Every structure is written in structure tokens, then in C-alpha cells.
Amino acid sequence: MDTAAYAACPSDEPGVAPLHLVGDDTEQLFVSQLRSSATHFAAAAGAQSAVVREAVPPARHRRSRCRVVLQWDDGAESDVTFLGPARRPVDPSRGPAALTATTSGFDAAIQAWLTEGRPESPLWLVPDEDSPAGTAVDVAAWLAT
């Protein structure tokens, strides 16, 4: 099996090491890259820190998911689930650029929603039984408004 090492720099902050991804398992790479965006999510929300508790890559039959827990300066936490589109998995032969484009679109939309102040509307908050809050942000619906 051919494996290649991919390096991604998810943060411009000094002292944050680049994320080294090894292999061509596109689903694992998607998850790793999304998880490495936690510092960006925290910054976009104005939170002290963020952890990506769940990251699920898209598939033909399944929407991508990202569950982010934000921790605020006062110790309070916000747990938010995001739903991305369902789509075919990225072909590993297309390389890391194709994967990055898939991940960064979802990542950028999550950051944009957080930057907007975490707006809530029935137009994009959808019921989600797997989310601790019982709802999830439908990123495509939010972008369409």
C-alpha cells in the first residue's frame, strides 16, 4: 500500500505545530483536518477554547457532521452540532488538495456561523436526535439565506 505524508498548517498561531497526516484514507484525513480546526472555531466564536468531539465525513448516504464544544472564559460550555452535505467520498488518487477543498468548505462555513454570533433560526436549526441539544445547524440551509 502506498502511503504519503501530508502536512497541513491549521493555525497561523506561533507555537502550533503543523498537523502531519499519513496515508491515503480520505475519511480519516477528513476527520483529522476537521479536528485540527478547533483553534479556529474557538477564535471565530470568541471562546477560550474549542474541541471537536465528533467529526463524520460525508458519504453518498450520510451527511457530514461536526460536533464542537466551546468553552468560555467563565467555564461555561456550548455544545453545537453542524450538518454538512452528503456526497461521494473523495477519491484518494486526487490527492490532499481535493480532500482539503472538501474539508475547508465545511470548516469555513462553521467558522462563518460562529463569527456571525451563532445565530439561531428555524430555517437552519433542524431536529437532530444525536445532538446533545436536540438540534443541529444545517450549514447548507444557513448559507442559502
N, C-alpha and C. Protein backbone atom coordinates (compact mmCIF):
# COMPACT_ATOMS: atom_id res chain seq x y z
N MET A 1 0.84 -1.17 0.00
CA MET A 1 0.00 0.00 0.00
C MET A 1 0.88 1.23 0.00
N ASP A 2 0.56 2.18 -0.89
CA ASP A 2 1.29 3.43 -0.93
C ASP A 2 0.75 4.37 0.13
N THR A 3 1.64 4.98 0.86
CA THR A 3 1.22 6.00 1.81
C THR A 3 2.04 7.24 1.53
N ALA A 4 1.42 8.36 1.76
CA ALA A 4 2.11 9.63 1.58
C ALA A 4 1.86 10.47 2.81
N ALA A 5 2.81 11.27 3.17
CA ALA A 5 2.65 12.14 4.32
C ALA A 5 2.18 13.50 3.82
N TYR A 6 1.13 14.00 4.40
CA TYR A 6 0.61 15.31 4.07
C TYR A 6 0.75 16.19 5.29
N ALA A 7 1.21 17.40 5.11
CA ALA A 7 1.29 18.33 6.24
C ALA A 7 0.30 19.45 5.99
N ALA A 8 -0.44 19.79 6.99
CA ALA A 8 -1.37 20.91 6.91
C ALA A 8 -1.10 21.80 8.10
N CYS A 9 -1.17 23.09 7.90
CA CYS A 9 -0.98 24.04 8.99
C CYS A 9 -2.34 24.65 9.31
N PRO A 10 -3.07 24.09 10.26
CA PRO A 10 -4.41 24.57 10.54
C PRO A 10 -4.44 25.87 11.31
N SER A 11 -3.30 26.32 11.79
CA SER A 11 -3.28 27.52 12.60
C SER A 11 -2.09 28.38 12.24
N ASP A 12 -2.30 29.69 12.22
CA ASP A 12 -1.21 30.62 11.97
C ASP A 12 -0.55 31.05 13.27
N GLU A 13 -1.05 30.55 14.39
CA GLU A 13 -0.55 30.96 15.68
C GLU A 13 0.85 30.40 15.92
N PRO A 14 1.75 31.23 16.50
CA PRO A 14 3.07 30.72 16.82
C PRO A 14 2.98 29.58 17.83
N GLY A 15 3.82 28.60 17.67
CA GLY A 15 3.87 27.50 18.61
C GLY A 15 2.90 26.38 18.33
N VAL A 16 2.02 26.55 17.33
CA VAL A 16 1.09 25.48 16.97
C VAL A 16 1.73 24.67 15.87
N ALA A 17 2.03 23.43 16.18
CA ALA A 17 2.73 22.57 15.23
C ALA A 17 1.83 22.19 14.07
N PRO A 18 2.40 22.00 12.87
CA PRO A 18 1.60 21.54 11.75
C PRO A 18 1.05 20.14 12.02
N LEU A 19 -0.07 19.86 11.43
CA LEU A 19 -0.70 18.55 11.55
C LEU A 19 -0.12 17.66 10.47
N HIS A 20 0.44 16.54 10.85
CA HIS A 20 1.01 15.62 9.87
C HIS A 20 0.04 14.46 9.70
N LEU A 21 -0.42 14.32 8.47
CA LEU A 21 -1.36 13.27 8.15
C LEU A 21 -0.64 12.24 7.29
N VAL A 22 -0.73 10.99 7.67
CA VAL A 22 -0.02 9.95 6.95
C VAL A 22 -1.04 8.99 6.37
N GLY A 23 -0.92 8.72 5.10
CA GLY A 23 -1.77 7.73 4.47
C GLY A 23 -2.69 8.33 3.44
N ASP A 24 -3.54 7.48 2.89
CA ASP A 24 -4.46 7.94 1.87
C ASP A 24 -5.91 7.56 2.22
N ASP A 25 -6.19 7.33 3.47
CA ASP A 25 -7.55 7.07 3.93
C ASP A 25 -8.26 8.41 4.02
N THR A 26 -9.02 8.75 2.97
CA THR A 26 -9.61 10.08 2.89
C THR A 26 -10.58 10.37 4.03
N GLU A 27 -11.29 9.37 4.51
CA GLU A 27 -12.20 9.61 5.62
C GLU A 27 -11.45 10.01 6.87
N GLN A 28 -10.35 9.32 7.16
CA GLN A 28 -9.56 9.66 8.33
C GLN A 28 -8.90 11.02 8.17
N LEU A 29 -8.46 11.33 6.97
CA LEU A 29 -7.86 12.65 6.72
C LEU A 29 -8.90 13.75 6.91
N PHE A 30 -10.12 13.52 6.45
CA PHE A 30 -11.20 14.50 6.64
C PHE A 30 -11.41 14.76 8.13
N VAL A 31 -11.50 13.69 8.90
CA VAL A 31 -11.71 13.81 10.34
C VAL A 31 -10.54 14.55 10.99
N SER A 32 -9.32 14.18 10.65
CA SER A 32 -8.13 14.81 11.24
C SER A 32 -8.07 16.29 10.93
N GLN A 33 -8.35 16.65 9.69
CA GLN A 33 -8.29 18.06 9.32
C GLN A 33 -9.39 18.86 10.00
N LEU A 34 -10.58 18.29 10.11
CA LEU A 34 -11.66 19.00 10.77
C LEU A 34 -11.35 19.17 12.26
N ARG A 35 -10.84 18.13 12.89
CA ARG A 35 -10.47 18.23 14.31
C ARG A 35 -9.38 19.27 14.54
N SER A 36 -8.48 19.41 13.59
CA SER A 36 -7.39 20.37 13.75
C SER A 36 -7.87 21.81 13.62
N SER A 37 -9.11 22.01 13.24
CA SER A 37 -9.67 23.36 13.10
C SER A 37 -10.22 23.90 14.41
N ALA A 38 -10.11 23.17 15.49
CA ALA A 38 -10.71 23.58 16.76
C ALA A 38 -10.25 24.97 17.21
N THR A 39 -8.96 25.27 17.04
CA THR A 39 -8.49 26.60 17.47
C THR A 39 -9.13 27.70 16.65
N HIS A 40 -9.36 27.43 15.37
CA HIS A 40 -10.04 28.41 14.52
C HIS A 40 -11.49 28.59 14.95
N PHE A 41 -12.14 27.49 15.32
CA PHE A 41 -13.53 27.58 15.78
C PHE A 41 -13.61 28.42 17.06
N ALA A 42 -12.68 28.20 17.98
CA ALA A 42 -12.68 28.97 19.23
C ALA A 42 -12.48 30.45 18.94
N ALA A 43 -11.54 30.77 18.09
CA ALA A 43 -11.27 32.16 17.75
C ALA A 43 -12.48 32.81 17.08
N ALA A 44 -13.12 32.09 16.17
CA ALA A 44 -14.28 32.63 15.46
C ALA A 44 -15.44 32.92 16.42
N ALA A 45 -15.59 32.09 17.43
CA ALA A 45 -16.69 32.27 18.39
C ALA A 45 -16.33 33.23 19.52
N GLY A 46 -15.05 33.55 19.66
CA GLY A 46 -14.61 34.36 20.78
C GLY A 46 -14.55 33.56 22.07
N ALA A 47 -14.40 32.25 21.94
CA ALA A 47 -14.34 31.36 23.10
C ALA A 47 -12.89 31.17 23.54
N GLN A 48 -12.72 30.69 24.75
CA GLN A 48 -11.39 30.41 25.28
C GLN A 48 -10.76 29.23 24.55
N SER A 49 -11.57 28.20 24.29
CA SER A 49 -11.07 27.02 23.60
C SER A 49 -12.23 26.29 22.94
N ALA A 50 -11.88 25.33 22.10
CA ALA A 50 -12.89 24.50 21.43
C ALA A 50 -12.31 23.12 21.23
N VAL A 51 -13.19 22.13 21.26
CA VAL A 51 -12.82 20.75 21.00
C VAL A 51 -13.83 20.21 19.99
N VAL A 52 -13.32 19.54 18.97
CA VAL A 52 -14.20 18.86 18.02
C VAL A 52 -14.42 17.47 18.59
N ARG A 53 -15.61 17.26 19.17
CA ARG A 53 -15.92 15.98 19.82
C ARG A 53 -16.34 14.91 18.83
N GLU A 54 -16.88 15.33 17.71
CA GLU A 54 -17.33 14.36 16.71
C GLU A 54 -17.07 14.95 15.33
N ALA A 55 -16.52 14.15 14.45
CA ALA A 55 -16.30 14.55 13.06
C ALA A 55 -16.60 13.33 12.19
N VAL A 56 -17.59 13.47 11.34
CA VAL A 56 -18.02 12.36 10.48
C VAL A 56 -17.93 12.81 9.03
N PRO A 57 -17.16 12.11 8.22
CA PRO A 57 -17.03 12.51 6.81
C PRO A 57 -18.32 12.23 6.03
N PRO A 58 -18.50 12.95 4.94
CA PRO A 58 -19.69 12.72 4.12
C PRO A 58 -19.60 11.40 3.35
N ALA A 59 -20.73 10.90 2.98
CA ALA A 59 -20.83 9.72 2.12
C ALA A 59 -22.10 9.90 1.28
N ARG A 60 -22.29 9.04 0.32
CA ARG A 60 -23.49 9.16 -0.53
C ARG A 60 -24.76 9.11 0.31
N HIS A 61 -24.76 8.33 1.36
CA HIS A 61 -25.96 8.11 2.16
C HIS A 61 -25.93 8.85 3.51
N ARG A 62 -24.88 9.62 3.76
CA ARG A 62 -24.72 10.23 5.08
C ARG A 62 -24.16 11.64 4.94
N ARG A 63 -24.76 12.54 5.71
CA ARG A 63 -24.28 13.92 5.74
C ARG A 63 -23.03 13.99 6.63
N SER A 64 -22.16 14.90 6.30
CA SER A 64 -21.02 15.14 7.20
C SER A 64 -21.54 15.79 8.47
N ARG A 65 -20.84 15.52 9.58
CA ARG A 65 -21.23 16.04 10.89
C ARG A 65 -20.00 16.56 11.61
N CYS A 66 -20.21 17.58 12.39
CA CYS A 66 -19.13 18.09 13.23
C CYS A 66 -19.77 18.60 14.51
N ARG A 67 -19.34 18.05 15.62
CA ARG A 67 -19.83 18.48 16.93
C ARG A 67 -18.71 19.23 17.63
N VAL A 68 -18.96 20.48 17.95
CA VAL A 68 -17.96 21.35 18.55
C VAL A 68 -18.42 21.75 19.95
N VAL A 69 -17.52 21.62 20.91
CA VAL A 69 -17.79 22.10 22.27
C VAL A 69 -16.89 23.30 22.51
N LEU A 70 -17.53 24.44 22.75
CA LEU A 70 -16.81 25.69 23.02
C LEU A 70 -16.76 25.92 24.51
N GLN A 71 -15.61 26.33 25.00
CA GLN A 71 -15.50 26.67 26.42
C GLN A 71 -15.23 28.17 26.52
N TRP A 72 -16.05 28.82 27.36
CA TRP A 72 -15.97 30.26 27.52
C TRP A 72 -15.08 30.62 28.71
N ASP A 73 -14.73 31.88 28.81
CA ASP A 73 -13.84 32.35 29.88
C ASP A 73 -14.38 32.04 31.27
N ASP A 74 -15.71 32.04 31.43
CA ASP A 74 -16.30 31.79 32.75
C ASP A 74 -16.45 30.30 33.06
N GLY A 75 -15.95 29.44 32.17
CA GLY A 75 -16.02 27.99 32.38
C GLY A 75 -17.25 27.34 31.78
N ALA A 76 -18.21 28.13 31.33
CA ALA A 76 -19.42 27.58 30.70
C ALA A 76 -19.05 26.95 29.35
N GLU A 77 -19.85 25.98 28.93
CA GLU A 77 -19.63 25.31 27.66
C GLU A 77 -20.86 25.39 26.78
N SER A 78 -20.63 25.45 25.48
CA SER A 78 -21.69 25.38 24.47
C SER A 78 -21.37 24.21 23.56
N ASP A 79 -22.35 23.35 23.35
CA ASP A 79 -22.18 22.15 22.54
C ASP A 79 -23.04 22.32 21.29
N VAL A 80 -22.39 22.42 20.13
CA VAL A 80 -23.10 22.70 18.88
C VAL A 80 -22.77 21.61 17.85
N THR A 81 -23.79 21.10 17.17
CA THR A 81 -23.61 20.11 16.12
C THR A 81 -23.92 20.76 14.77
N PHE A 82 -23.06 20.50 13.79
CA PHE A 82 -23.22 21.04 12.44
C PHE A 82 -23.42 19.87 11.48
N LEU A 83 -24.31 20.08 10.51
CA LEU A 83 -24.54 19.09 9.46
C LEU A 83 -24.11 19.68 8.13
N GLY A 84 -23.27 18.95 7.42
CA GLY A 84 -22.85 19.36 6.09
C GLY A 84 -23.57 18.51 5.06
N PRO A 85 -23.14 18.60 3.83
CA PRO A 85 -23.82 17.86 2.77
C PRO A 85 -23.44 16.39 2.75
N ALA A 86 -24.29 15.61 2.11
CA ALA A 86 -23.94 14.22 1.77
C ALA A 86 -23.29 14.27 0.40
N ARG A 87 -22.24 13.51 0.22
CA ARG A 87 -21.59 13.48 -1.09
C ARG A 87 -20.71 12.25 -1.16
N ARG A 88 -20.26 12.00 -2.35
CA ARG A 88 -19.35 10.87 -2.53
C ARG A 88 -18.04 11.13 -1.81
N PRO A 89 -17.44 10.09 -1.27
CA PRO A 89 -16.12 10.26 -0.65
C PRO A 89 -15.10 10.74 -1.69
N VAL A 90 -14.10 11.45 -1.24
CA VAL A 90 -13.06 11.95 -2.13
C VAL A 90 -12.19 10.78 -2.58
N ASP A 91 -11.90 10.73 -3.86
CA ASP A 91 -11.03 9.70 -4.42
C ASP A 91 -9.60 9.95 -3.95
N PRO A 92 -8.97 8.99 -3.26
CA PRO A 92 -7.61 9.20 -2.74
C PRO A 92 -6.60 9.55 -3.82
N SER A 93 -6.84 9.10 -5.04
CA SER A 93 -5.88 9.37 -6.11
C SER A 93 -5.87 10.85 -6.50
N ARG A 94 -6.89 11.60 -6.09
CA ARG A 94 -6.94 13.04 -6.39
C ARG A 94 -6.04 13.84 -5.45
N GLY A 95 -5.52 13.19 -4.41
CA GLY A 95 -4.54 13.81 -3.53
C GLY A 95 -5.12 14.69 -2.45
N PRO A 96 -4.24 15.26 -1.65
CA PRO A 96 -4.67 16.04 -0.49
C PRO A 96 -5.40 17.32 -0.85
N ALA A 97 -5.16 17.88 -2.04
CA ALA A 97 -5.83 19.13 -2.41
C ALA A 97 -7.34 18.92 -2.52
N ALA A 98 -7.77 17.80 -3.09
CA ALA A 98 -9.20 17.51 -3.20
C ALA A 98 -9.82 17.34 -1.83
N LEU A 99 -9.11 16.67 -0.95
CA LEU A 99 -9.61 16.48 0.41
C LEU A 99 -9.69 17.81 1.14
N THR A 100 -8.68 18.64 1.00
CA THR A 100 -8.66 19.93 1.67
C THR A 100 -9.82 20.79 1.20
N ALA A 101 -10.13 20.76 -0.08
CA ALA A 101 -11.25 21.54 -0.61
C ALA A 101 -12.56 21.08 0.02
N THR A 102 -12.74 19.78 0.19
CA THR A 102 -13.96 19.25 0.80
C THR A 102 -14.05 19.66 2.27
N THR A 103 -12.96 19.50 2.98
CA THR A 103 -12.95 19.82 4.40
C THR A 103 -13.06 21.32 4.64
N SER A 104 -12.31 22.11 3.86
CA SER A 104 -12.25 23.53 4.12
C SER A 104 -13.58 24.22 3.86
N GLY A 105 -14.40 23.70 2.95
CA GLY A 105 -15.71 24.29 2.73
C GLY A 105 -16.58 24.15 3.97
N PHE A 106 -16.58 22.98 4.56
CA PHE A 106 -17.36 22.73 5.78
C PHE A 106 -16.76 23.52 6.94
N ASP A 107 -15.44 23.48 7.05
CA ASP A 107 -14.72 24.20 8.09
C ASP A 107 -15.00 25.70 8.00
N ALA A 108 -14.90 26.26 6.79
CA ALA A 108 -15.11 27.70 6.60
C ALA A 108 -16.55 28.09 6.94
N ALA A 109 -17.51 27.25 6.59
CA ALA A 109 -18.91 27.55 6.90
C ALA A 109 -19.16 27.54 8.41
N ILE A 110 -18.56 26.58 9.11
CA ILE A 110 -18.69 26.53 10.57
C ILE A 110 -18.08 27.79 11.18
N GLN A 111 -16.89 28.16 10.72
CA GLN A 111 -16.25 29.36 11.24
C GLN A 111 -17.10 30.60 10.97
N ALA A 112 -17.68 30.68 9.79
CA ALA A 112 -18.51 31.84 9.44
C ALA A 112 -19.73 31.92 10.36
N TRP A 113 -20.38 30.79 10.62
CA TRP A 113 -21.55 30.78 11.50
C TRP A 113 -21.16 31.22 12.91
N LEU A 114 -20.03 30.73 13.39
CA LEU A 114 -19.55 31.12 14.71
C LEU A 114 -19.21 32.61 14.75
N THR A 115 -18.60 33.12 13.69
CA THR A 115 -18.24 34.54 13.61
C THR A 115 -19.48 35.43 13.62
N GLU A 116 -20.55 34.95 13.03
CA GLU A 116 -21.81 35.71 12.98
C GLU A 116 -22.50 35.77 14.34
N GLY A 117 -21.95 35.13 15.33
CA GLY A 117 -22.53 35.19 16.67
C GLY A 117 -23.46 34.03 16.99
N ARG A 118 -23.32 32.94 16.27
CA ARG A 118 -24.12 31.73 16.48
C ARG A 118 -25.62 32.01 16.35
N PRO A 119 -26.03 32.58 15.21
CA PRO A 119 -27.45 32.91 15.03
C PRO A 119 -28.33 31.67 15.01
N GLU A 120 -29.52 31.81 15.56
CA GLU A 120 -30.48 30.71 15.59
C GLU A 120 -31.71 31.08 14.79
N SER A 121 -32.18 30.16 14.00
CA SER A 121 -33.39 30.35 13.21
C SER A 121 -33.95 28.98 12.85
N PRO A 122 -35.27 28.87 12.80
CA PRO A 122 -35.85 27.59 12.38
C PRO A 122 -35.53 27.25 10.92
N LEU A 123 -35.01 28.23 10.18
CA LEU A 123 -34.64 27.97 8.79
C LEU A 123 -33.43 27.06 8.69
N TRP A 124 -32.56 27.08 9.68
CA TRP A 124 -31.37 26.24 9.61
C TRP A 124 -31.11 25.41 10.85
N LEU A 125 -31.86 25.60 11.90
CA LEU A 125 -31.74 24.70 13.06
C LEU A 125 -32.72 23.55 12.84
N VAL A 126 -32.19 22.37 12.72
CA VAL A 126 -33.02 21.20 12.40
C VAL A 126 -32.98 20.22 13.56
N PRO A 127 -34.06 19.46 13.76
CA PRO A 127 -34.04 18.44 14.82
C PRO A 127 -32.94 17.41 14.55
N ASP A 128 -32.26 17.03 15.60
CA ASP A 128 -31.20 16.03 15.48
C ASP A 128 -31.14 15.25 16.78
N GLU A 129 -31.62 14.02 16.74
CA GLU A 129 -31.69 13.21 17.96
C GLU A 129 -30.32 12.82 18.50
N ASP A 130 -29.28 12.90 17.67
CA ASP A 130 -27.94 12.55 18.13
C ASP A 130 -27.20 13.72 18.77
N SER A 131 -27.75 14.91 18.64
CA SER A 131 -27.11 16.10 19.21
C SER A 131 -27.54 16.28 20.66
N PRO A 132 -26.62 16.64 21.56
CA PRO A 132 -27.00 16.87 22.96
C PRO A 132 -28.08 17.94 23.12
N ALA A 133 -28.09 18.92 22.22
CA ALA A 133 -29.10 19.99 22.30
C ALA A 133 -30.41 19.59 21.62
N GLY A 134 -30.39 18.49 20.88
CA GLY A 134 -31.59 18.06 20.16
C GLY A 134 -31.77 18.73 18.81
N THR A 135 -30.85 19.66 18.48
CA THR A 135 -30.89 20.33 17.19
C THR A 135 -29.47 20.40 16.62
N ALA A 136 -29.41 20.67 15.33
CA ALA A 136 -28.12 20.84 14.66
C ALA A 136 -28.25 22.00 13.67
N VAL A 137 -27.14 22.62 13.38
CA VAL A 137 -27.10 23.69 12.39
C VAL A 137 -26.91 23.05 11.02
N ASP A 138 -27.89 23.24 10.13
CA ASP A 138 -27.78 22.76 8.76
C ASP A 138 -26.99 23.82 8.00
N VAL A 139 -25.72 23.56 7.78
CA VAL A 139 -24.82 24.55 7.21
C VAL A 139 -25.29 25.00 5.82
N ALA A 140 -25.74 24.08 4.98
CA ALA A 140 -26.19 24.45 3.64
C ALA A 140 -27.41 25.37 3.71
N ALA A 141 -28.35 25.09 4.62
CA ALA A 141 -29.53 25.94 4.76
C ALA A 141 -29.13 27.32 5.25
N TRP A 142 -28.17 27.39 6.19
CA TRP A 142 -27.72 28.69 6.70
C TRP A 142 -27.04 29.49 5.58
N LEU A 143 -26.20 28.84 4.79
CA LEU A 143 -25.52 29.53 3.70
C LEU A 143 -26.49 30.02 2.63
N ALA A 144 -27.61 29.35 2.49
CA ALA A 144 -28.59 29.72 1.46
C ALA A 144 -29.41 30.95 1.84
N THR A 145 -29.31 31.40 3.09
CA THR A 145 -30.11 32.56 3.50
C THR A 145 -29.38 33.86 3.28
